[in-house]
Protein backbone atom coordinates (compact mmCIF):
# COMPACT_ATOMS: atom_id res chain seq x y z
CA MET A 1 67.55 57.82 23.14
CA LYS A 2 65.36 57.81 20.14
CA THR A 3 67.14 54.36 19.04
CA LEU A 4 66.23 52.78 22.34
CA PHE A 5 62.51 53.99 22.14
CA ALA A 6 62.20 52.30 18.84
CA ILE A 7 63.75 48.95 19.79
CA LEU A 8 61.30 48.81 23.02
CA SER A 9 58.42 49.75 20.55
CA LEU A 10 59.29 46.83 18.28
CA THR A 11 59.77 44.34 21.05
CA ALA A 12 56.17 45.07 22.42
CA LEU A 13 54.79 44.92 19.07
CA PHE A 14 56.11 41.29 18.44
CA SER A 15 55.06 40.36 21.94
CA CYS A 16 51.31 41.09 21.27
CA SER A 17 51.39 39.22 17.91
CA SER A 18 52.75 36.22 19.56
CA VAL A 19 50.10 36.09 22.10
CA SER A 20 47.36 36.62 19.66
CA GLU A 21 48.69 33.79 17.50
CA LYS A 22 48.55 31.39 20.40
CA GLU A 23 44.99 32.02 21.29
CA PRO A 24 43.00 28.63 20.83
CA GLU A 25 40.17 28.22 18.17
CA ARG A 26 36.73 27.66 19.48
CA THR A 27 34.54 24.84 18.25
CA PRO A 28 30.97 25.96 17.20
CA ASP A 29 28.33 24.82 19.53
CA TYR A 30 26.15 22.85 17.03
CA GLN A 31 28.87 20.58 16.29
CA THR A 32 29.80 17.31 18.21
CA SER A 33 32.85 15.35 17.54
CA GLY A 34 32.13 12.16 16.02
CA THR A 35 28.29 12.72 15.40
CA PRO A 36 27.13 13.72 12.11
CA LEU A 37 24.71 16.91 11.71
CA PRO A 38 20.87 15.91 11.79
CA VAL A 39 19.30 15.38 8.62
CA THR A 40 15.90 17.46 7.82
CA ALA A 41 12.65 16.16 8.99
CA GLU A 42 11.49 15.69 5.44
CA GLU A 43 14.66 13.45 4.41
CA ASP A 44 14.25 11.69 7.91
CA THR A 45 10.28 10.94 7.19
CA LEU A 46 11.09 9.66 3.69
CA ARG A 47 13.49 7.07 4.87
CA LEU A 48 11.64 5.74 7.87
CA PRO A 49 10.35 2.31 6.93
CA TYR A 50 7.31 2.32 8.92
CA HIS A 51 6.31 5.92 8.08
CA GLN A 52 3.13 6.73 5.81
CA TYR A 53 5.41 8.57 3.24
CA TYR A 54 8.28 6.03 3.13
CA LEU A 55 10.13 6.40 -0.26
CA ALA A 56 7.41 8.92 -1.42
CA ASP A 57 9.97 10.69 -3.31
CA LEU A 58 10.96 7.89 -5.64
CA SER A 59 9.13 7.39 -9.00
CA GLN A 60 6.58 4.86 -9.39
CA GLN A 61 8.75 3.06 -11.96
CA GLU A 62 11.37 2.66 -9.08
CA ILE A 63 8.67 1.53 -6.59
CA VAL A 64 7.39 -1.23 -8.96
CA ARG A 65 11.03 -2.42 -9.79
CA LEU A 66 11.88 -2.65 -5.94
CA ILE A 67 8.72 -4.61 -5.20
CA LEU A 68 9.38 -7.01 -7.96
CA GLU A 69 13.18 -7.44 -7.18
CA GLY A 70 11.77 -8.24 -3.47
CA SER A 71 13.71 -5.16 -2.11
CA LEU A 72 10.47 -3.39 -0.83
CA GLN A 73 7.88 -5.02 1.20
CA PRO A 74 4.20 -3.43 0.46
CA ALA A 75 2.78 -2.03 3.29
CA ASP A 76 -0.16 0.20 4.33
CA ASN A 77 1.48 3.44 3.06
CA HIS A 78 1.39 6.17 0.47
CA VAL A 79 3.48 4.57 -2.16
CA THR A 80 1.67 1.17 -2.00
CA PHE A 81 -1.76 2.86 -2.07
CA ALA A 82 -0.70 4.99 -5.23
CA LEU A 83 0.35 1.79 -6.97
CA MET A 84 -2.88 -0.09 -6.42
CA ASP A 85 -4.67 3.09 -7.46
CA SER A 86 -2.78 3.19 -10.78
CA LEU A 87 -4.15 -0.22 -11.62
CA SER A 88 -7.20 1.52 -12.68
CA SER A 89 -5.58 4.22 -14.80
CA PRO A 90 -7.12 5.06 -18.14
CA ASN A 91 -3.89 4.39 -19.53
CA LYS A 92 -3.57 0.74 -20.55
CA ALA A 93 0.15 0.81 -20.54
CA THR A 94 0.20 2.04 -17.01
CA ARG A 95 -2.20 -0.80 -16.01
CA ASP A 96 0.17 -3.37 -17.63
CA PHE A 97 3.05 -2.04 -16.01
CA ILE A 98 1.45 -1.84 -12.64
CA PHE A 99 -0.22 -5.35 -12.79
CA PRO A 100 2.64 -7.56 -11.94
CA ALA A 101 3.59 -5.26 -8.82
CA PHE A 102 -0.15 -5.44 -7.95
CA LYS A 103 0.01 -9.24 -7.75
CA GLU A 104 2.95 -9.07 -5.57
CA VAL A 105 0.99 -6.69 -3.21
CA VAL A 106 -1.93 -9.00 -3.18
CA GLU A 107 0.27 -11.88 -2.34
CA LYS A 108 2.27 -10.41 0.50
CA SER A 109 -0.40 -8.03 1.88
CA ASP A 110 -0.91 -8.36 5.79
CA GLY A 111 -2.47 -6.76 8.50
CA ALA A 112 -3.94 -3.17 7.76
CA LEU A 113 -2.86 -3.40 3.98
CA SER A 114 -4.84 -6.56 3.42
CA GLU A 115 -8.15 -4.70 4.66
CA VAL A 116 -7.96 -2.09 1.74
CA VAL A 117 -6.65 -4.36 -0.99
CA GLY A 118 -10.22 -5.29 -1.92
CA LEU A 119 -11.20 -1.72 -2.40
CA TYR A 120 -8.78 -1.18 -5.18
CA ALA A 121 -9.55 -4.51 -6.59
CA ILE A 122 -13.05 -3.76 -6.86
CA LYS A 123 -12.36 -0.31 -8.56
CA TYR A 124 -10.36 -2.37 -11.30
CA VAL A 125 -12.91 -5.06 -11.76
CA GLU A 126 -15.62 -2.54 -12.27
CA GLY A 127 -13.45 -0.42 -14.60
CA TYR A 128 -12.07 -3.27 -16.78
CA PRO A 129 -13.88 -6.48 -16.35
CA LYS A 130 -12.81 -7.92 -19.43
CA GLU A 131 -9.02 -7.16 -19.02
CA PHE A 132 -9.45 -8.45 -15.26
CA ALA A 133 -10.75 -11.77 -16.65
CA GLU A 134 -8.16 -12.35 -19.29
CA ARG A 135 -5.35 -11.36 -16.77
CA TYR A 136 -6.55 -14.20 -14.39
CA SER A 137 -7.66 -16.85 -16.89
CA CYS A 138 -4.41 -18.77 -16.19
CA CYS A 139 -3.99 -18.21 -12.33
CA LEU A 140 -7.05 -19.57 -10.68
CA ALA A 141 -5.23 -19.76 -7.11
CA GLU A 142 -4.28 -16.03 -7.38
CA LEU A 143 -8.11 -15.19 -8.62
CA SER A 144 -9.32 -17.13 -5.45
CA GLN A 145 -7.19 -15.18 -3.16
CA LEU A 146 -8.01 -11.59 -4.80
CA THR A 147 -11.73 -12.62 -4.85
CA ASN A 148 -11.69 -13.19 -0.96
CA TYR A 149 -10.44 -9.60 -0.63
CA ILE A 150 -13.20 -8.47 -2.64
CA GLY A 151 -15.63 -10.35 -0.77
CA TYR A 152 -14.28 -9.28 2.44
CA GLU A 153 -14.56 -5.68 1.47
CA ILE A 154 -18.31 -6.10 0.36
CA MET A 155 -18.97 -7.78 3.76
CA MET A 156 -17.56 -4.99 5.64
CA SER A 157 -19.78 -2.35 4.04
CA GLN A 158 -23.07 -1.17 5.57
CA GLU A 159 -25.06 -2.59 2.68
CA PRO A 160 -23.50 -5.72 1.28
CA THR A 161 -26.41 -6.78 -0.40
CA SER A 162 -26.36 -3.47 -2.43
CA GLU A 163 -22.80 -3.62 -2.93
CA TYR A 164 -22.95 -7.17 -4.44
CA LYS A 165 -25.64 -6.13 -6.77
CA GLN A 166 -23.84 -3.06 -7.84
CA LEU A 167 -20.70 -4.87 -8.54
CA PHE A 168 -22.15 -7.24 -11.04
CA GLU A 169 -24.54 -4.54 -12.57
CA THR A 170 -21.47 -2.41 -13.39
CA ILE A 171 -19.65 -5.47 -14.74
CA ASN A 172 -22.58 -6.20 -16.97
CA GLN A 173 -22.60 -2.65 -18.29
CA LYS A 174 -18.91 -2.67 -19.26
CA TYR A 175 -18.93 -6.45 -20.38
CA PRO A 176 -22.22 -7.74 -21.16
CA LYS A 177 -21.01 -11.15 -21.98
CA TYR A 178 -19.18 -11.58 -18.68
CA GLU A 179 -21.35 -14.76 -17.72
CA GLN A 180 -20.07 -16.59 -20.91
CA ASP A 181 -16.40 -15.93 -19.53
CA LYS A 182 -14.87 -18.71 -17.68
CA SER A 183 -12.79 -16.60 -15.73
CA MET A 184 -15.60 -14.46 -14.60
CA ARG A 185 -17.96 -17.41 -13.85
CA ALA A 186 -15.13 -18.83 -11.62
CA PHE A 187 -14.83 -15.33 -10.09
CA LYS A 188 -18.63 -15.03 -9.25
CA GLU A 189 -18.75 -18.68 -7.92
CA LYS A 190 -15.94 -17.95 -5.72
CA LEU A 191 -17.18 -14.82 -4.51
CA GLU A 192 -20.54 -16.17 -3.64
CA THR A 193 -18.90 -19.09 -1.70
CA TYR A 194 -16.72 -16.75 0.20
CA MET A 195 -19.58 -14.43 1.19
CA GLN A 196 -21.76 -17.38 2.21
CA SER A 197 -19.03 -18.52 4.40
CA LEU A 198 -18.93 -15.04 6.19
CA LEU A 199 -22.70 -14.71 6.40
CA GLY A 200 -22.55 -17.84 8.74
CA LYS A 201 -20.47 -15.97 11.13
CA ARG A 202 -22.53 -12.68 11.20
CA GLU A 203 -25.18 -12.13 13.85
CA ASN A 204 -28.43 -13.55 12.63
CA ASN A 205 -26.86 -14.26 9.28
CA LEU A 206 -27.51 -10.75 8.09
CA ASP A 207 -30.79 -11.44 6.23
CA GLN A 208 -32.44 -13.49 3.42
CA GLN A 209 -32.07 -10.66 1.01
CA CYS A 210 -28.35 -10.74 1.10
CA LEU A 211 -28.20 -14.71 0.64
CA ASP A 212 -30.83 -14.43 -2.33
CA ALA A 213 -28.64 -11.85 -3.92
CA ILE A 214 -25.44 -14.34 -4.00
CA GLY A 215 -27.76 -17.27 -4.85
CA GLY A 216 -27.57 -19.06 -1.53
CA THR A 217 -29.97 -20.26 1.31
CA ARG A 218 -30.47 -19.35 4.70
CA ARG A 219 -28.60 -21.36 7.22
CA ALA A 220 -29.46 -22.06 10.92
CA GLN A 221 -29.23 -19.03 12.98
CA ARG A 222 -25.86 -18.94 14.81
CA PRO A 223 -25.83 -15.79 17.04
CA SER A 224 -22.34 -14.32 16.78
CA ASN A 225 -20.84 -10.70 17.24
CA GLU A 226 -17.99 -11.59 14.89
CA THR A 227 -16.95 -9.56 12.19
CA PRO A 228 -15.76 -11.14 8.93
CA SER A 229 -12.24 -12.54 9.24
CA ARG A 230 -9.66 -11.19 6.84
CA PRO A 231 -8.70 -13.42 3.93
CA ASN A 232 -5.85 -15.73 4.40
CA VAL A 233 -2.75 -14.47 2.80
CA GLY A 234 -0.27 -16.31 0.47
CA VAL A 235 -0.91 -18.21 -2.62
CA ASN A 236 0.06 -21.83 -2.84
CA ARG A 237 2.20 -22.25 -6.22
């Protein structure tokens, strides 16, 4: 009798074990077959081409390399603004490294980016006018394009007359002989020409003071509500 009871007990034990092993495994709710897990919000933001912080995790050296290789299009975002700001770095080695990429930014800028290029260019010219003249002494077409951006920035300010005078007062303080420099003379002449062309499009042509400041003469009034048009992008090579 004891032997029969033991056999029945073992049979029941193996039967329960067999049922337990055949129980199907459950798939976690957060997984979907064939669908990768979502990336974090930070990673997603840094890899969205039209986001303000696109590629902001990369070093500036890497950004410069990508721009010069043509792999990265300059845009109105954090990395492009940071690059242009570095052109005014007190470290000359940094300025030397950044300048080729800055030229690419100027040439390829469009839309919203083209509206702020002049701001960074003015900062560079005011900080290092002699260096600016030397860099553009061989490239008048590129100088002309950059000058247009600077003129646009000045004309969009509330006090274009004051802005224009302040620019050359600052240049004179850093580079007293700037008027003897061929590149600086070309820069000033191109800037005056560009600003005069915009004055003809502004309501009442602004005022005589501004024209006097850039060496121009008052034109016949042509009432208009236009704001200065953005400079044309692209350099003819």
